[in-house]
Amino acid sequence: METLLAFVIGGLYAAGLYMMVRRSIVRMVFGLALLGNAANLLIFTMGRLVRGRPPLISEGAIAPSAPYADPLTQAMILTAIVIGFGIQAFALVLIKRVYETVGDDDVDEMRITDSLEHK
């Protein structure tokens, strides 16, 4: 299962990086979302994939019996998801404002508009 997830994570990273180097800002935000999801899957995979074994310590034991799901990685992923949604919401509002100002989502058009304002 980890091997399959490694290929999926690699594909998500590749697609995210490809979309981030495109000229459209909308595609750049979608690429950012893909990179965030790939990072979350990577963290989740590093925490070992174990089903049905909560990290509960039985009575009289010092540590939970292995194998168990690591709760730290799950908490980190939940935090990363919330932060990712905040960044994506900010980026979408920023894109809307840039589109209203420039009239296009092409990065080269924004550079041309920026250089015309300074002359």
PDB file of N, CA and C in Angstrom:
ATOM      1  N   MET A   1       0.820  -1.196   0.000  1.00  0.00           N
ATOM      2  CA  MET A   1       0.000   0.000   0.000  1.00  0.00           C
ATOM      3  C   MET A   1       0.866   1.262   0.000  1.00  0.00           C
ATOM      4  N   GLU A   2       1.978   1.203   0.756  1.00  0.00           N
ATOM      5  CA  GLU A   2       2.859   2.366   0.809  1.00  0.00           C
ATOM      6  C   GLU A   2       3.484   2.662  -0.550  1.00  0.00           C
ATOM      7  N   THR A   3       3.768   1.608  -1.326  1.00  0.00           N
ATOM      8  CA  THR A   3       4.354   1.798  -2.655  1.00  0.00           C
ATOM      9  C   THR A   3       3.368   2.518  -3.573  1.00  0.00           C
ATOM     10  N   LEU A   4       2.120   2.111  -3.527  1.00  0.00           N
ATOM     11  CA  LEU A   4       1.090   2.772  -4.337  1.00  0.00           C
ATOM     12  C   LEU A   4       0.953   4.241  -3.939  1.00  0.00           C
ATOM     13  N   LEU A   5       0.930   4.504  -2.646  1.00  0.00           N
ATOM     14  CA  LEU A   5       0.833   5.892  -2.186  1.00  0.00           C
ATOM     15  C   LEU A   5       2.063   6.706  -2.566  1.00  0.00           C
ATOM     16  N   ALA A   6       3.229   6.072  -2.608  1.00  0.00           N
ATOM     17  CA  ALA A   6       4.433   6.785  -3.032  1.00  0.00           C
ATOM     18  C   ALA A   6       4.306   7.246  -4.483  1.00  0.00           C
ATOM     19  N   PHE A   7       3.762   6.401  -5.341  1.00  0.00           N
ATOM     20  CA  PHE A   7       3.555   6.796  -6.732  1.00  0.00           C
ATOM     21  C   PHE A   7       2.490   7.880  -6.865  1.00  0.00           C
ATOM     22  N   VAL A   8       1.432   7.779  -6.073  1.00  0.00           N
ATOM     23  CA  VAL A   8       0.379   8.804  -6.095  1.00  0.00           C
ATOM     24  C   VAL A   8       0.934  10.145  -5.614  1.00  0.00           C
ATOM     25  N   ILE A   9       1.725  10.108  -4.551  1.00  0.00           N
ATOM     26  CA  ILE A   9       2.320  11.337  -4.027  1.00  0.00           C
ATOM     27  C   ILE A   9       3.261  11.953  -5.054  1.00  0.00           C
ATOM     28  N   GLY A  10       4.076  11.118  -5.700  1.00  0.00           N
ATOM     29  CA  GLY A  10       4.969  11.619  -6.742  1.00  0.00           C
ATOM     30  C   GLY A  10       4.203  12.234  -7.896  1.00  0.00           C
ATOM     31  N   GLY A  11       3.100  11.606  -8.297  1.00  0.00           N
ATOM     32  CA  GLY A  11       2.260  12.158  -9.364  1.00  0.00           C
ATOM     33  C   GLY A  11       1.632  13.485  -8.973  1.00  0.00           C
ATOM     34  N   LEU A  12       1.176  13.584  -7.734  1.00  0.00           N
ATOM     35  CA  LEU A  12       0.590  14.845  -7.266  1.00  0.00           C
ATOM     36  C   LEU A  12       1.628  15.958  -7.209  1.00  0.00           C
ATOM     37  N   TYR A  13       2.840  15.636  -6.749  1.00  0.00           N
ATOM     38  CA  TYR A  13       3.904  16.638  -6.737  1.00  0.00           C
ATOM     39  C   TYR A  13       4.252  17.081  -8.155  1.00  0.00           C
ATOM     40  N   ALA A  14       4.355  16.115  -9.076  1.00  0.00           N
ATOM     41  CA  ALA A  14       4.693  16.457 -10.458  1.00  0.00           C
ATOM     42  C   ALA A  14       3.608  17.328 -11.094  1.00  0.00           C
ATOM     43  N   ALA A  15       2.346  16.947 -10.897  1.00  0.00           N
ATOM     44  CA  ALA A  15       1.242  17.731 -11.468  1.00  0.00           C
ATOM     45  C   ALA A  15       1.168  19.114 -10.831  1.00  0.00           C
ATOM     46  N   GLY A  16       1.395  19.184  -9.522  1.00  0.00           N
ATOM     47  CA  GLY A  16       1.362  20.480  -8.840  1.00  0.00           C
ATOM     48  C   GLY A  16       2.470  21.409  -9.311  1.00  0.00           C
ATOM     49  N   LEU A  17       3.675  20.866  -9.449  1.00  0.00           N
ATOM     50  CA  LEU A  17       4.783  21.693  -9.936  1.00  0.00           C
ATOM     51  C   LEU A  17       4.566  22.116 -11.384  1.00  0.00           C
ATOM     52  N   TYR A  18       4.029  21.213 -12.202  1.00  0.00           N
ATOM     53  CA  TYR A  18       3.745  21.560 -13.594  1.00  0.00           C
ATOM     54  C   TYR A  18       2.726  22.694 -13.682  1.00  0.00           C
ATOM     55  N   MET A  19       1.681  22.606 -12.862  1.00  0.00           N
ATOM     56  CA  MET A  19       0.653  23.648 -12.901  1.00  0.00           C
ATOM     57  C   MET A  19       1.160  24.969 -12.338  1.00  0.00           C
ATOM     58  N   MET A  20       2.112  24.919 -11.415  1.00  0.00           N
ATOM     59  CA  MET A  20       2.624  26.165 -10.837  1.00  0.00           C
ATOM     60  C   MET A  20       3.523  26.932 -11.799  1.00  0.00           C
ATOM     61  N   VAL A  21       4.113  26.269 -12.779  1.00  0.00           N
ATOM     62  CA  VAL A  21       4.979  26.982 -13.719  1.00  0.00           C
ATOM     63  C   VAL A  21       4.220  27.463 -14.952  1.00  0.00           C
ATOM     64  N   ARG A  22       2.927  27.242 -14.991  1.00  0.00           N
ATOM     65  CA  ARG A  22       2.119  27.743 -16.108  1.00  0.00           C
ATOM     66  C   ARG A  22       1.927  29.239 -15.959  1.00  0.00           C
ATOM     67  N   ARG A  23       1.494  29.884 -17.018  1.00  0.00           N
ATOM     68  CA  ARG A  23       1.375  31.347 -16.995  1.00  0.00           C
ATOM     69  C   ARG A  23       0.096  31.830 -16.330  1.00  0.00           C
ATOM     70  N   SER A  24      -0.871  30.997 -16.145  1.00  0.00           N
ATOM     71  CA  SER A  24      -2.143  31.401 -15.561  1.00  0.00           C
ATOM     72  C   SER A  24      -2.073  31.344 -14.029  1.00  0.00           C
ATOM     73  N   ILE A  25      -2.586  32.371 -13.382  1.00  0.00           N
ATOM     74  CA  ILE A  25      -2.569  32.398 -11.920  1.00  0.00           C
ATOM     75  C   ILE A  25      -3.564  31.389 -11.353  1.00  0.00           C
ATOM     76  N   VAL A  26      -4.665  31.153 -12.031  1.00  0.00           N
ATOM     77  CA  VAL A  26      -5.649  30.176 -11.557  1.00  0.00           C
ATOM     78  C   VAL A  26      -5.015  28.790 -11.521  1.00  0.00           C
ATOM     79  N   ARG A  27      -4.260  28.450 -12.557  1.00  0.00           N
ATOM     80  CA  ARG A  27      -3.572  27.152 -12.568  1.00  0.00           C
ATOM     81  C   ARG A  27      -2.512  27.092 -11.476  1.00  0.00           C
ATOM     82  N   MET A  28      -1.914  28.220 -11.181  1.00  0.00           N
ATOM     83  CA  MET A  28      -0.916  28.249 -10.126  1.00  0.00           C
ATOM     84  C   MET A  28      -1.558  27.933  -8.770  1.00  0.00           C
ATOM     85  N   VAL A  29      -2.740  28.433  -8.527  1.00  0.00           N
ATOM     86  CA  VAL A  29      -3.427  28.140  -7.262  1.00  0.00           C
ATOM     87  C   VAL A  29      -3.845  26.677  -7.207  1.00  0.00           C
ATOM     88  N   PHE A  30      -4.307  26.117  -8.333  1.00  0.00           N
ATOM     89  CA  PHE A  30      -4.630  24.692  -8.356  1.00  0.00           C
ATOM     90  C   PHE A  30      -3.383  23.845  -8.122  1.00  0.00           C
ATOM     91  N   GLY A  31      -2.250  24.278  -8.671  1.00  0.00           N
ATOM     92  CA  GLY A  31      -0.991  23.586  -8.420  1.00  0.00           C
ATOM     93  C   GLY A  31      -0.597  23.652  -6.963  1.00  0.00           C
ATOM     94  N   LEU A  32      -0.831  24.799  -6.338  1.00  0.00           N
ATOM     95  CA  LEU A  32      -0.558  24.947  -4.915  1.00  0.00           C
ATOM     96  C   LEU A  32      -1.432  24.003  -4.090  1.00  0.00           C
ATOM     97  N   ALA A  33      -2.682  23.843  -4.488  1.00  0.00           N
ATOM     98  CA  ALA A  33      -3.577  22.920  -3.793  1.00  0.00           C
ATOM     99  C   ALA A  33      -3.101  21.474  -3.951  1.00  0.00           C
ATOM    100  N   LEU A  34      -2.649  21.118  -5.151  1.00  0.00           N
ATOM    101  CA  LEU A  34      -2.127  19.766  -5.362  1.00  0.00           C
ATOM    102  C   LEU A  34      -0.878  19.512  -4.538  1.00  0.00           C
ATOM    103  N   LEU A  35      -0.009  20.507  -4.454  1.00  0.00           N
ATOM    104  CA  LEU A  35       1.192  20.348  -3.629  1.00  0.00           C
ATOM    105  C   LEU A  35       0.832  20.174  -2.152  1.00  0.00           C
ATOM    106  N   GLY A  36      -0.168  20.908  -1.691  1.00  0.00           N
ATOM    107  CA  GLY A  36      -0.616  20.759  -0.308  1.00  0.00           C
ATOM    108  C   GLY A  36      -1.175  19.376  -0.031  1.00  0.00           C
ATOM    109  N   ASN A  37      -1.968  18.863  -0.968  1.00  0.00           N
ATOM    110  CA  ASN A  37      -2.518  17.523  -0.794  1.00  0.00           C
ATOM    111  C   ASN A  37      -1.422  16.461  -0.847  1.00  0.00           C
ATOM    112  N   ALA A  38      -0.439  16.653  -1.715  1.00  0.00           N
ATOM    113  CA  ALA A  38       0.667  15.701  -1.787  1.00  0.00           C
ATOM    114  C   ALA A  38       1.468  15.707  -0.484  1.00  0.00           C
ATOM    115  N   ALA A  39       1.692  16.887   0.073  1.00  0.00           N
ATOM    116  CA  ALA A  39       2.421  16.972   1.344  1.00  0.00           C
ATOM    117  C   ALA A  39       1.637  16.305   2.469  1.00  0.00           C
ATOM    118  N   ASN A  40       0.323  16.484   2.482  1.00  0.00           N
ATOM    119  CA  ASN A  40      -0.503  15.829   3.503  1.00  0.00           C
ATOM    120  C   ASN A  40      -0.444  14.317   3.374  1.00  0.00           C
ATOM    121  N   LEU A  41      -0.521  13.812   2.151  1.00  0.00           N
ATOM    122  CA  LEU A  41      -0.418  12.367   1.953  1.00  0.00           C
ATOM    123  C   LEU A  41       0.953  11.841   2.354  1.00  0.00           C
ATOM    124  N   LEU A  42       1.993  12.621   2.092  1.00  0.00           N
ATOM    125  CA  LEU A  42       3.338  12.208   2.480  1.00  0.00           C
ATOM    126  C   LEU A  42       3.456  12.100   3.993  1.00  0.00           C
ATOM    127  N   ILE A  43       2.950  13.091   4.702  1.00  0.00           N
ATOM    128  CA  ILE A  43       2.990  13.055   6.171  1.00  0.00           C
ATOM    129  C   ILE A  43       2.162  11.885   6.690  1.00  0.00           C
ATOM    130  N   PHE A  44       1.004  11.657   6.080  1.00  0.00           N
ATOM    131  CA  PHE A  44       0.141  10.556   6.500  1.00  0.00           C
ATOM    132  C   PHE A  44       0.823   9.210   6.286  1.00  0.00           C
ATOM    133  N   THR A  45       1.506   9.057   5.176  1.00  0.00           N
ATOM    134  CA  THR A  45       2.188   7.803   4.881  1.00  0.00           C
ATOM    135  C   THR A  45       3.367   7.587   5.824  1.00  0.00           C
ATOM    136  N   MET A  46       4.050   8.659   6.191  1.00  0.00           N
ATOM    137  CA  MET A  46       5.182   8.527   7.112  1.00  0.00           C
ATOM    138  C   MET A  46       4.731   8.083   8.500  1.00  0.00           C
ATOM    139  N   GLY A  47       3.483   8.320   8.851  1.00  0.00           N
ATOM    140  CA  GLY A  47       2.974   7.937  10.160  1.00  0.00           C
ATOM    141  C   GLY A  47       2.517   6.496  10.220  1.00  0.00           C
ATOM    142  N   ARG A  48       2.862   5.699   9.280  1.00  0.00           N
ATOM    143  CA  ARG A  48       2.521   4.278   9.175  1.00  0.00           C
ATOM    144  C   ARG A  48       1.024   4.084   8.964  1.00  0.00           C
ATOM    145  N   LEU A  49       0.704   3.283   7.995  1.00  0.00           N
ATOM    146  CA  LEU A  49      -0.686   2.997   7.659  1.00  0.00           C
ATOM    147  C   LEU A  49      -1.149   1.762   8.422  1.00  0.00           C
ATOM    148  N   VAL A  50      -1.925   1.986   9.436  1.00  0.00           N
ATOM    149  CA  VAL A  50      -2.457   0.896  10.248  1.00  0.00           C
ATOM    150  C   VAL A  50      -3.948   1.148  10.406  1.00  0.00           C
ATOM    151  N   ARG A  51      -4.744   0.127  10.111  1.00  0.00           N
ATOM    152  CA  ARG A  51      -6.194   0.284  10.223  1.00  0.00           C
ATOM    153  C   ARG A  51      -6.714  -0.411  11.464  1.00  0.00           C
ATOM    154  N   GLY A  52      -7.641   0.246  12.116  1.00  0.00           N
ATOM    155  CA  GLY A  52      -8.362  -0.371  13.218  1.00  0.00           C
ATOM    156  C   GLY A  52      -7.565  -0.538  14.501  1.00  0.00           C
ATOM    157  N   ARG A  53      -6.445   0.125  14.636  1.00  0.00           N
ATOM    158  CA  ARG A  53      -5.643   0.020  15.850  1.00  0.00           C
ATOM    159  C   ARG A  53      -5.410   1.402  16.439  1.00  0.00           C
ATOM    160  N   PRO A  54      -6.301   1.889  17.272  1.00  0.00           N
ATOM    161  CA  PRO A  54      -6.083   3.205  17.882  1.00  0.00           C
ATOM    162  C   PRO A  54      -4.928   3.136  18.876  1.00  0.00           C
ATOM    163  N   PRO A  55      -4.262   4.249  19.098  1.00  0.00           N
ATOM    164  CA  PRO A  55      -3.114   4.262  20.015  1.00  0.00           C
ATOM    165  C   PRO A  55      -3.544   4.356  21.481  1.00  0.00           C
ATOM    166  N   LEU A  56      -4.262   3.355  21.937  1.00  0.00           N
ATOM    167  CA  LEU A  56      -4.725   3.339  23.322  1.00  0.00           C
ATOM    168  C   LEU A  56      -3.791   2.488  24.166  1.00  0.00           C
ATOM    169  N   ILE A  57      -3.496   2.960  25.352  1.00  0.00           N
ATOM    170  CA  ILE A  57      -2.631   2.219  26.269  1.00  0.00           C
ATOM    171  C   ILE A  57      -3.523   1.368  27.157  1.00  0.00           C
ATOM    172  N   SER A  58      -3.307   0.064  27.112  1.00  0.00           N
ATOM    173  CA  SER A  58      -4.131  -0.827  27.922  1.00  0.00           C
ATOM    174  C   SER A  58      -3.767  -0.685  29.404  1.00  0.00           C
ATOM    175  N   GLU A  59      -4.636  -1.151  30.254  1.00  0.00           N
ATOM    176  CA  GLU A  59      -4.451  -0.986  31.691  1.00  0.00           C
ATOM    177  C   GLU A  59      -3.208  -1.748  32.150  1.00  0.00           C
ATOM    178  N   GLY A  60      -2.338  -1.055  32.855  1.00  0.00           N
ATOM    179  CA  GLY A  60      -1.124  -1.659  33.386  1.00  0.00           C
ATOM    180  C   GLY A  60       0.067  -1.580  32.440  1.00  0.00           C
ATOM    181  N   ALA A  61      -0.124  -1.115  31.206  1.00  0.00           N
ATOM    182  CA  ALA A  61       0.981  -1.005  30.252  1.00  0.00           C
ATOM    183  C   ALA A  61       1.571   0.402  30.291  1.00  0.00           C
ATOM    184  N   ILE A  62       2.798   0.528  29.812  1.00  0.00           N
ATOM    185  CA  ILE A  62       3.469   1.827  29.775  1.00  0.00           C
ATOM    186  C   ILE A  62       3.269   2.506  28.427  1.00  0.00           C
ATOM    187  N   ALA A  63       3.221   1.718  27.365  1.00  0.00           N
ATOM    188  CA  ALA A  63       3.077   2.252  26.009  1.00  0.00           C
ATOM    189  C   ALA A  63       2.062   1.404  25.259  1.00  0.00           C
ATOM    190  N   PRO A  64       1.470   1.957  24.199  1.00  0.00           N
ATOM    191  CA  PRO A  64       0.524   1.154  23.421  1.00  0.00           C
ATOM    192  C   PRO A  64       1.247   0.019  22.698  1.00  0.00           C
ATOM    193  N   SER A  65       0.518  -1.064  22.487  1.00  0.00           N
ATOM    194  CA  SER A  65       1.127  -2.210  21.795  1.00  0.00           C
ATOM    195  C   SER A  65       1.152  -1.947  20.296  1.00  0.00           C
ATOM    196  N   ALA A  66       2.261  -2.291  19.672  1.00  0.00           N
ATOM    197  CA  ALA A  66       2.445  -2.068  18.227  1.00  0.00           C
ATOM    198  C   ALA A  66       1.704  -3.128  17.443  1.00  0.00           C
ATOM    199  N   PRO A  67       1.289  -2.902  16.259  1.00  0.00           N
ATOM    200  CA  PRO A  67       1.288  -1.647  15.518  1.00  0.00           C
ATOM    201  C   PRO A  67       0.054  -0.806  15.857  1.00  0.00           C
ATOM    202  N   TYR A  68       0.200   0.481  15.777  1.00  0.00           N
ATOM    203  CA  TYR A  68      -0.915   1.387  16.039  1.00  0.00           C
ATOM    204  C   TYR A  68      -0.769   2.615  15.156  1.00  0.00           C
ATOM    205  N   ALA A  69      -1.875   3.304  14.944  1.00  0.00           N
ATOM    206  CA  ALA A  69      -1.875   4.516  14.128  1.00  0.00           C
ATOM    207  C   ALA A  69      -1.278   5.655  14.947  1.00  0.00           C
ATOM    208  N   ASP A  70      -0.399   6.419  14.325  1.00  0.00           N
ATOM    209  CA  ASP A  70       0.261   7.526  15.013  1.00  0.00           C
ATOM    210  C   ASP A  70      -0.668   8.745  15.019  1.00  0.00           C
ATOM    211  N   PRO A  71      -1.116   9.204  16.182  1.00  0.00           N
ATOM    212  CA  PRO A  71      -2.033  10.345  16.222  1.00  0.00           C
ATOM    213  C   PRO A  71      -1.360  11.683  15.921  1.00  0.00           C
ATOM    214  N   LEU A  72      -0.043  11.781  16.079  1.00  0.00           N
ATOM    215  CA  LEU A  72       0.650  13.035  15.832  1.00  0.00           C
ATOM    216  C   LEU A  72       0.576  13.429  14.361  1.00  0.00           C
ATOM    217  N   THR A  73       0.798  12.473  13.478  1.00  0.00           N
ATOM    218  CA  THR A  73       0.729  12.792  12.050  1.00  0.00           C
ATOM    219  C   THR A  73      -0.679  13.186  11.640  1.00  0.00           C
ATOM    220  N   GLN A  74      -1.671  12.557  12.234  1.00  0.00           N
ATOM    221  CA  GLN A  74      -3.047  12.910  11.907  1.00  0.00           C
ATOM    222  C   GLN A  74      -3.371  14.325  12.375  1.00  0.00           C
ATOM    223  N   ALA A  75      -2.895  14.702  13.536  1.00  0.00           N
ATOM    224  CA  ALA A  75      -3.116  16.068  14.024  1.00  0.00           C
ATOM    225  C   ALA A  75      -2.384  17.081  13.159  1.00  0.00           C
ATOM    226  N   MET A  76      -1.171  16.744  12.717  1.00  0.00           N
ATOM    227  CA  MET A  76      -0.424  17.643  11.837  1.00  0.00           C
ATOM    228  C   MET A  76      -1.142  17.830  10.509  1.00  0.00           C
ATOM    229  N   ILE A  77      -1.718  16.755   9.982  1.00  0.00           N
ATOM    230  CA  ILE A  77      -2.432  16.847   8.708  1.00  0.00           C
ATOM    231  C   ILE A  77      -3.676  17.718   8.861  1.00  0.00           C
ATOM    232  N   LEU A  78      -4.414  17.553   9.951  1.00  0.00           N
ATOM    233  CA  LEU A  78      -5.594  18.392  10.157  1.00  0.00           C
ATOM    234  C   LEU A  78      -5.221  19.866  10.229  1.00  0.00           C
ATOM    235  N   THR A  79      -4.128  20.164  10.892  1.00  0.00           N
ATOM    236  CA  THR A  79      -3.654  21.545  10.951  1.00  0.00           C
ATOM    237  C   THR A  79      -3.244  22.043   9.575  1.00  0.00           C
ATOM    238  N   ALA A  80      -2.545  21.200   8.820  1.00  0.00           N
ATOM    239  CA  ALA A  80      -2.108  21.584   7.475  1.00  0.00           C
ATOM    240  C   ALA A  80      -3.291  21.793   6.540  1.00  0.00           C
ATOM    241  N   ILE A  81      -4.345  21.014   6.700  1.00  0.00           N
ATOM    242  CA  ILE A  81      -5.545  21.185   5.861  1.00  0.00           C
ATOM    243  C   ILE A  81      -6.186  22.543   6.130  1.00  0.00           C
ATOM    244  N   VAL A  82      -6.311  22.913   7.392  1.00  0.00           N
ATOM    245  CA  VAL A  82      -6.915  24.202   7.735  1.00  0.00           C
ATOM    246  C   VAL A  82      -6.069  25.355   7.205  1.00  0.00           C
ATOM    247  N   ILE A  83      -4.758  25.270   7.374  1.00  0.00           N
ATOM    248  CA  ILE A  83      -3.881  26.320   6.865  1.00  0.00           C
ATOM    249  C   ILE A  83      -3.931  26.374   5.344  1.00  0.00           C
ATOM    250  N   GLY A  84      -3.978  25.209   4.701  1.00  0.00           N
ATOM    251  CA  GLY A  84      -4.071  25.161   3.239  1.00  0.00           C
ATOM    252  C   GLY A  84      -5.345  25.800   2.720  1.00  0.00           C
ATOM    253  N   PHE A  85      -6.466  25.550   3.398  1.00  0.00           N
ATOM    254  CA  PHE A  85      -7.719  26.185   2.978  1.00  0.00           C
ATOM    255  C   PHE A  85      -7.647  27.702   3.136  1.00  0.00           C
ATOM    256  N   GLY A  86      -7.022  28.157   4.201  1.00  0.00           N
ATOM    257  CA  GLY A  86      -6.867  29.598   4.394  1.00  0.00           C
ATOM    258  C   GLY A  86      -6.027  30.231   3.295  1.00  0.00           C
ATOM    259  N   ILE A  87      -4.935  29.588   2.934  1.00  0.00           N
ATOM    260  CA  ILE A  87      -4.074  30.106   1.868  1.00  0.00           C
ATOM    261  C   ILE A  87      -4.805  30.099   0.533  1.00  0.00           C
ATOM    262  N   GLN A  88      -5.542  29.036   0.251  1.00  0.00           N
ATOM    263  CA  GLN A  88      -6.280  28.964  -1.005  1.00  0.00           C
ATOM    264  C   GLN A  88      -7.379  30.013  -1.066  1.00  0.00           C
ATOM    265  N   ALA A  89      -8.063  30.242   0.037  1.00  0.00           N
ATOM    266  CA  ALA A  89      -9.097  31.280   0.051  1.00  0.00           C
ATOM    267  C   ALA A  89      -8.489  32.653  -0.188  1.00  0.00           C
ATOM    268  N   PHE A  90      -7.361  32.935   0.456  1.00  0.00           N
ATOM    269  CA  PHE A  90      -6.675  34.213   0.238  1.00  0.00           C
ATOM    270  C   PHE A  90      -6.223  34.338  -1.210  1.00  0.00           C
ATOM    271  N   ALA A  91      -5.679  33.263  -1.773  1.00  0.00           N
ATOM    272  CA  ALA A  91      -5.211  33.310  -3.160  1.00  0.00           C
ATOM    273  C   ALA A  91      -6.374  33.529  -4.133  1.00  0.00           C
ATOM    274  N   LEU A  92      -7.517  32.916  -3.876  1.00  0.00           N
ATOM    275  CA  LEU A  92      -8.667  33.117  -4.763  1.00  0.00           C
ATOM    276  C   LEU A  92      -9.180  34.553  -4.700  1.00  0.00           C
ATOM    277  N   VAL A  93      -9.202  35.140  -3.524  1.00  0.00           N
ATOM    278  CA  VAL A  93      -9.611  36.542  -3.404  1.00  0.00           C
ATOM    279  C   VAL A  93      -8.599  37.444  -4.100  1.00  0.00           C
ATOM    280  N   LEU A  94      -7.331  37.132  -3.957  1.00  0.00           N
ATOM    281  CA  LEU A  94      -6.286  37.898  -4.620  1.00  0.00           C
ATOM    282  C   LEU A  94      -6.401  37.787  -6.139  1.00  0.00           C
ATOM    283  N   ILE A  95      -6.707  36.596  -6.634  1.00  0.00           N
ATOM    284  CA  ILE A  95      -6.894  36.405  -8.078  1.00  0.00           C
ATOM    285  C   ILE A  95      -8.074  37.225  -8.576  1.00  0.00           C
ATOM    286  N   LYS A  96      -9.159  37.223  -7.810  1.00  0.00           N
ATOM    287  CA  LYS A  96     -10.331  38.003  -8.211  1.00  0.00           C
ATOM    288  C   LYS A  96      -9.987  39.485  -8.304  1.00  0.00           C
ATOM    289  N   ARG A  97      -9.246  39.983  -7.338  1.00  0.00           N
ATOM    290  CA  ARG A  97      -8.860  41.399  -7.354  1.00  0.00           C
ATOM    291  C   ARG A  97      -7.911  41.720  -8.508  1.00  0.00           C
ATOM    292  N   VAL A  98      -6.970  40.833  -8.773  1.00  0.00           N
ATOM    293  CA  VAL A  98      -6.038  41.042  -9.881  1.00  0.00           C
ATOM    294  C   VAL A  98      -6.781  41.000 -11.208  1.00  0.00           C
ATOM    295  N   TYR A  99      -7.736  40.082 -11.340  1.00  0.00           N
ATOM    296  CA  TYR A  99      -8.499  39.996 -12.585  1.00  0.00           C
ATOM    297  C   TYR A  99      -9.345  41.249 -12.793  1.00  0.00           C
ATOM    298  N   GLU A 100      -9.905  41.802 -11.708  1.00  0.00           N
ATOM    299  CA  GLU A 100     -10.674  43.038 -11.831  1.00  0.00           C
ATOM    300  C   GLU A 100      -9.777  44.203 -12.241  1.00  0.00           C
ATOM    301  N   THR A 101      -8.560  44.222 -11.741  1.00  0.00           N
ATOM    302  CA  THR A 101      -7.636  45.319 -12.038  1.00  0.00           C
ATOM    303  C   THR A 101      -7.015  45.192 -13.421  1.00  0.00           C
ATOM    304  N   VAL A 102      -6.458  44.027 -13.727  1.00  0.00           N
ATOM    305  CA  VAL A 102      -5.719  43.824 -14.970  1.00  0.00           C
ATOM    306  C   VAL A 102      -6.637  43.397 -16.109  1.00  0.00           C
ATOM    307  N   GLY A 103      -7.631  42.586 -15.798  1.00  0.00           N
ATOM    308  CA  GLY A 103      -8.532  42.092 -16.830  1.00  0.00           C
ATOM    309  C   GLY A 103      -8.084  40.784 -17.450  1.00  0.00           C
ATOM    310  N   ASP A 104      -7.028  40.176 -16.906  1.00  0.00           N
ATOM    311  CA  ASP A 104      -6.520  38.916 -17.428  1.00  0.00           C
ATOM    312  C   ASP A 104      -5.816  38.184 -16.290  1.00  0.00           C
ATOM    313  N   ASP A 105      -5.697  36.854 -16.417  1.00  0.00           N
ATOM    314  CA  ASP A 105      -4.989  36.093 -15.386  1.00  0.00           C
ATOM    315  C   ASP A 105      -3.621  35.626 -15.870  1.00  0.00           C
ATOM    316  N   ASP A 106      -3.150  36.180 -16.980  1.00  0.00           N
ATOM    317  CA  ASP A 106      -1.845  35.828 -17.521  1.00  0.00           C
ATOM    318  C   ASP A 106      -0.757  36.617 -16.793  1.00  0.00           C
ATOM    319  N   VAL A 107       0.280  35.925 -16.363  1.00  0.00           N
ATOM    320  CA  VAL A 107       1.355  36.566 -15.602  1.00  0.00           C
ATOM    321  C   VAL A 107       2.098  37.579 -16.463  1.00  0.00           C
ATOM    322  N   ASP A 108       2.296  37.293 -17.745  1.00  0.00           N
ATOM    323  CA  ASP A 108       2.997  38.233 -18.620  1.00  0.00           C
ATOM    324  C   ASP A 108       2.204  39.531 -18.790  1.00  0.00           C
ATOM    325  N   GLU A 109       0.894  39.442 -18.854  1.00  0.00           N
ATOM    326  CA  GLU A 109       0.064  40.645 -18.948  1.00  0.00           C
ATOM    327  C   GLU A 109       0.199  41.503 -17.698  1.00  0.00           C
ATOM    328  N   MET A 110       0.335  40.859 -16.555  1.00  0.00           N
ATOM    329  CA  MET A 110       0.507  41.615 -15.318  1.00  0.00           C
ATOM    330  C   MET A 110       1.837  42.346 -15.307  1.00  0.00           C
ATOM    331  N   ARG A 111       2.869  41.736 -15.840  1.00  0.00           N
ATOM    332  CA  ARG A 111       4.171  42.397 -15.913  1.00  0.00           C
ATOM    333  C   ARG A 111       4.112  43.598 -16.849  1.00  0.00           C
ATOM    334  N   ILE A 112       3.410  43.450 -17.975  1.00  0.00           N
ATOM    335  CA  ILE A 112       3.281  44.559 -18.912  1.00  0.00           C
ATOM    336  C   ILE A 112       2.498  45.696 -18.266  1.00  0.00           C
ATOM    337  N   THR A 113       1.409  45.370 -17.572  1.00  0.00           N
ATOM    338  CA  THR A 113       0.603  46.373 -16.887  1.00  0.00           C
ATOM    339  C   THR A 113       1.406  47.063 -15.801  1.00  0.00           C
ATOM    340  N   ASP A 114       2.222  46.313 -15.075  1.00  0.00           N
ATOM    341  CA  ASP A 114       3.035  46.877 -14.005  1.00  0.00           C
ATOM    342  C   ASP A 114       4.089  47.830 -14.571  1.00  0.00           C
ATOM    343  N   SER A 115       4.697  47.482 -15.688  1.00  0.00           N
ATOM    344  CA  SER A 115       5.725  48.350 -16.258  1.00  0.00           C
ATOM    345  C   SER A 115       5.099  49.609 -16.881  1.00  0.00           C
ATOM    346  N   LEU A 116       3.863  49.526 -17.361  1.00  0.00           N
ATOM    347  CA  LEU A 116       3.212  50.705 -17.911  1.00  0.00           C
ATOM    348  C   LEU A 116       2.825  51.710 -16.823  1.00  0.00           C
ATOM    349  N   GLU A 117       2.524  51.226 -15.626  1.00  0.00           N
ATOM    350  CA  GLU A 117       2.131  52.124 -14.552  1.00  0.00           C
ATOM    351  C   GLU A 117       3.316  52.929 -14.028  1.00  0.00           C
ATOM    352  N   HIS A 118       4.525  52.414 -14.131  1.00  0.00           N
ATOM    353  CA  HIS A 118       5.698  53.101 -13.606  1.00  0.00           C
ATOM    354  C   HIS A 118       6.284  54.116 -14.587  1.00  0.00           C
ATOM    355  N   LYS A 119       5.830  54.134 -15.815  1.00  0.00           N
ATOM    356  CA  LYS A 119       6.374  55.079 -16.797  1.00  0.00           C
ATOM    357  C   LYS A 119       5.642  56.386 -16.794  1.00  0.00           C
TER     358      LYS A 119
END
